[in-house]
C-alpha atoms as a PDB file:
ATOM      1  CA  MET A   1      43.064 -11.751  33.949  1.00  0.00           C
ATOM      2  CA  ALA A   2      39.861 -10.159  34.050  1.00  0.00           C
ATOM      3  CA  LYS A   3      36.798 -12.475  34.600  1.00  0.00           C
ATOM      4  CA  GLN A   4      35.042 -12.819  31.524  1.00  0.00           C
ATOM      5  CA  THR A   5      31.126 -12.520  31.763  1.00  0.00           C
ATOM      6  CA  LYS A   6      28.475 -14.559  30.152  1.00  0.00           C
ATOM      7  CA  ARG A   7      26.383 -12.769  27.660  1.00  0.00           C
ATOM      8  CA  SER A   8      22.690 -13.621  27.143  1.00  0.00           C
ATOM      9  CA  ARG A   9      21.322 -15.030  24.117  1.00  0.00           C
ATOM     10  CA  ARG A  10      18.851 -12.037  24.072  1.00  0.00           C
ATOM     11  CA  ARG A  11      21.394  -9.788  22.445  1.00  0.00           C
ATOM     12  CA  TYR A  12      21.944 -11.769  19.374  1.00  0.00           C
ATOM     13  CA  PHE A  13      18.439 -12.514  18.663  1.00  0.00           C
ATOM     14  CA  SER A  14      15.834 -10.553  17.703  1.00  0.00           C
ATOM     15  CA  ARG A  15      14.189  -8.469  20.567  1.00  0.00           C
ATOM     16  CA  PRO A  16      10.361  -8.732  20.868  1.00  0.00           C
ATOM     17  CA  ARG A  17       8.627  -5.318  19.815  1.00  0.00           C
ATOM     18  CA  ARG A  18       5.940  -3.363  21.741  1.00  0.00           C
ATOM     19  CA  ARG A  19       2.928  -3.516  20.030  1.00  0.00           C
ATOM     20  CA  SER A  20       0.010  -1.051  20.410  1.00  0.00           C
ATOM     21  CA  ASN A  21      -3.080  -2.613  22.356  1.00  0.00           C
ATOM     22  CA  GLY A  22      -6.367  -1.904  20.941  1.00  0.00           C
ATOM     23  CA  PHE A  23      -8.223  -1.075  17.900  1.00  0.00           C
ATOM     24  CA  ARG A  24      -5.804  -0.467  14.942  1.00  0.00           C
ATOM     25  CA  LEU A  25      -8.374   1.554  12.663  1.00  0.00           C
ATOM     26  CA  SER A  26      -8.157   5.352  12.973  1.00  0.00           C
ATOM     27  CA  LEU A  27     -10.205   7.802  11.184  1.00  0.00           C
ATOM     28  CA  PRO A  28      -8.569  10.777   9.545  1.00  0.00           C
ATOM     29  CA  VAL A  29     -10.897  13.741  10.438  1.00  0.00           C
ATOM     30  CA  ALA A  30      -9.506  16.337   8.308  1.00  0.00           C
ATOM     31  CA  ALA A  31      -9.387  14.331   5.121  1.00  0.00           C
ATOM     32  CA  ILE A  32     -13.175  13.121   5.911  1.00  0.00           C
ATOM     33  CA  LEU A  33     -14.299  16.538   6.407  1.00  0.00           C
ATOM     34  CA  GLY A  34     -12.851  17.650   3.171  1.00  0.00           C
ATOM     35  CA  PHE A  35     -15.431  15.306   1.500  1.00  0.00           C
ATOM     36  CA  LEU A  36     -18.628  16.424   3.224  1.00  0.00           C
ATOM     37  CA  PRO A  37     -19.163  19.601   0.931  1.00  0.00           C
ATOM     38  CA  LEU A  38     -18.884  17.369  -2.188  1.00  0.00           C
ATOM     39  CA  GLY A  39     -21.158  14.756  -0.442  1.00  0.00           C
ATOM     40  CA  GLN A  40     -23.711  18.046   0.494  1.00  0.00           C
ATOM     41  CA  SER A  41     -23.786  19.594  -3.290  1.00  0.00           C
ATOM     42  CA  ILE A  42     -24.355  15.658  -4.628  1.00  0.00           C
ATOM     43  CA  TYR A  43     -27.365  15.153  -2.102  1.00  0.00           C
ATOM     44  CA  THR A  44     -28.816  18.848  -3.361  1.00  0.00           C
ATOM     45  CA  GLY A  45     -28.407  17.953  -7.015  1.00  0.00           C
ATOM     46  CA  PHE A  46     -30.241  14.590  -6.382  1.00  0.00           C
ATOM     47  CA  ASN A  47     -33.004  16.541  -4.580  1.00  0.00           C
ATOM     48  CA  SER A  48     -33.604  18.835  -7.570  1.00  0.00           C
ATOM     49  CA  GLY A  49     -33.004  16.659 -10.522  1.00  0.00           C
ATOM     50  CA  GLY A  50     -32.463  12.936  -9.520  1.00  0.00           C
ATOM     51  CA  ILE A  51     -29.446  10.898 -10.217  1.00  0.00           C
ATOM     52  CA  THR A  52     -28.627  12.816 -13.510  1.00  0.00           C
ATOM     53  CA  GLN A  53     -28.300  15.749 -11.840  1.00  0.00           C
ATOM     54  CA  ALA A  54     -26.517  14.465  -8.935  1.00  0.00           C
ATOM     55  CA  SER A  55     -23.790  13.043 -11.158  1.00  0.00           C
ATOM     56  CA  ARG A  56     -23.406  16.244 -13.186  1.00  0.00           C
ATOM     57  CA  VAL A  57     -22.857  18.193  -9.918  1.00  0.00           C
ATOM     58  CA  GLY A  58     -20.525  15.578  -8.748  1.00  0.00           C
ATOM     59  CA  LEU A  59     -18.460  15.651 -11.847  1.00  0.00           C
ATOM     60  CA  ARG A  60     -18.566  19.352 -11.942  1.00  0.00           C
ATOM     61  CA  SER A  61     -17.453  19.538  -8.213  1.00  0.00           C
ATOM     62  CA  LEU A  62     -14.519  17.340  -9.115  1.00  0.00           C
ATOM     63  CA  THR A  63     -13.275  18.312 -12.342  1.00  0.00           C
ATOM     64  CA  GLY A  64     -14.481  21.977 -12.914  1.00  0.00           C
ATOM     65  CA  TYR A  65     -16.235  20.807 -16.159  1.00  0.00           C
ATOM     66  CA  ASP A  66     -19.904  21.252 -16.848  1.00  0.00           C
ATOM     67  CA  THR A  67     -21.216  18.991 -18.941  1.00  0.00           C
ATOM     68  CA  ALA A  68     -24.164  20.855 -19.507  1.00  0.00           C
ATOM     69  CA  SER A  69     -22.832  24.085 -20.695  1.00  0.00           C
ATOM     70  CA  ASN A  70     -19.543  22.504 -21.850  1.00  0.00           C
ATOM     71  CA  THR A  71     -17.407  25.012 -19.983  1.00  0.00           C
ATOM     72  CA  TRP A  72     -14.472  24.617 -17.593  1.00  0.00           C
ATOM     73  CA  ASN A  73     -14.468  26.699 -14.196  1.00  0.00           C
ATOM     74  CA  TRP A  74     -11.986  26.578 -11.357  1.00  0.00           C
ATOM     75  CA  VAL A  75     -14.934  27.781  -9.344  1.00  0.00           C
ATOM     76  CA  TYR A  76     -17.181  25.024  -9.612  1.00  0.00           C
ATOM     77  CA  MET A  77     -14.619  22.946  -7.779  1.00  0.00           C
ATOM     78  CA  LYS A  78     -14.947  24.707  -4.725  1.00  0.00           C
ATOM     79  CA  THR A  79     -17.517  22.513  -3.117  1.00  0.00           C
ATOM     80  CA  GLY A  80     -15.441  19.232  -4.385  1.00  0.00           C
ATOM     81  CA  ALA A  81     -11.555  19.122  -5.248  1.00  0.00           C
ATOM     82  CA  ILE A  82     -10.552  22.075  -3.369  1.00  0.00           C
ATOM     83  CA  PRO A  83     -11.908  21.156  -0.002  1.00  0.00           C
ATOM     84  CA  ILE A  84     -10.643  17.550  -0.306  1.00  0.00           C
ATOM     85  CA  ALA A  85      -7.157  18.978  -1.207  1.00  0.00           C
ATOM     86  CA  ILE A  86      -7.058  21.169   1.702  1.00  0.00           C
ATOM     87  CA  GLY A  87      -8.243  18.325   3.918  1.00  0.00           C
ATOM     88  CA  LEU A  88      -5.388  16.066   2.806  1.00  0.00           C
ATOM     89  CA  LEU A  89      -3.190  18.738   3.185  1.00  0.00           C
ATOM     90  CA  ILE A  90      -4.157  19.433   6.662  1.00  0.00           C
ATOM     91  CA  HIS A  91      -3.599  15.857   7.413  1.00  0.00           C
ATOM     92  CA  LYS A  92      -0.525  15.404   6.217  1.00  0.00           C
ATOM     93  CA  VAL A  93       1.145  18.800   7.549  1.00  0.00           C
ATOM     94  CA  VAL A  94      -0.686  19.154  11.038  1.00  0.00           C
ATOM     95  CA  GLY A  95      -0.914  15.475  11.598  1.00  0.00           C
ATOM     96  CA  GLY A  96       1.949  14.099  10.264  1.00  0.00           C
ATOM     97  CA  THR A  97       5.041  16.498   9.639  1.00  0.00           C
ATOM     98  CA  LEU A  98       4.009  18.520  13.040  1.00  0.00           C
ATOM     99  CA  GLY A  99       3.541  15.109  15.168  1.00  0.00           C
ATOM    100  CA  VAL A 100      -0.171  15.697  16.520  1.00  0.00           C
ATOM    101  CA  ASN A 101      -1.157  12.395  15.247  1.00  0.00           C
ATOM    102  CA  ARG A 102       1.545  10.739  17.271  1.00  0.00           C
ATOM    103  CA  MET A 103       0.628  12.659  20.448  1.00  0.00           C
ATOM    104  CA  ILE A 104      -2.928  11.964  19.860  1.00  0.00           C
ATOM    105  CA  ALA A 105      -2.147   8.392  19.735  1.00  0.00           C
ATOM    106  CA  ARG A 106       0.404   8.471  22.685  1.00  0.00           C
ATOM    107  CA  THR A 107      -2.588   9.841  25.061  1.00  0.00           C
ATOM    108  CA  GLY A 108      -4.554   6.698  24.133  1.00  0.00           C
ATOM    109  CA  ILE A 109      -7.557   8.332  22.097  1.00  0.00           C
ATOM    110  CA  PRO A 110      -9.100   5.490  20.127  1.00  0.00           C
ATOM    111  CA  PHE A 111     -10.157   6.434  16.816  1.00  0.00           C
ATOM    112  CA  ILE A 112      -9.656   9.893  15.991  1.00  0.00           C
ATOM    113  CA  ARG A 113      -6.385  11.585  13.865  1.00  0.00           C
ATOM    114  CA  ILE A 114      -6.142  14.677  12.407  1.00  0.00           C
END
């Protein structure tokens, strides 16, 4: 008769999981860079006409609707919604799907993600 070996209890209970050591916050660079043209256009609008012009430029850049002339044009969004969408798309496709963020995390670079 074959000798029966004793099994450890570790097999039946949850095993410890490896945790990442270090700072958990990471900055998605591509997504943040998408907001820079919007910030620049709002800042320029604030310098030229105060808070009302800054809010008008911000609304026009994000939605494409100009409140001064009551018109909509997609070209208005070239400094707002379009760069934000491109930045989020790059973050999703390049960072997530292609696995670049995973490779960056494995190398130990602390704060930056694509």
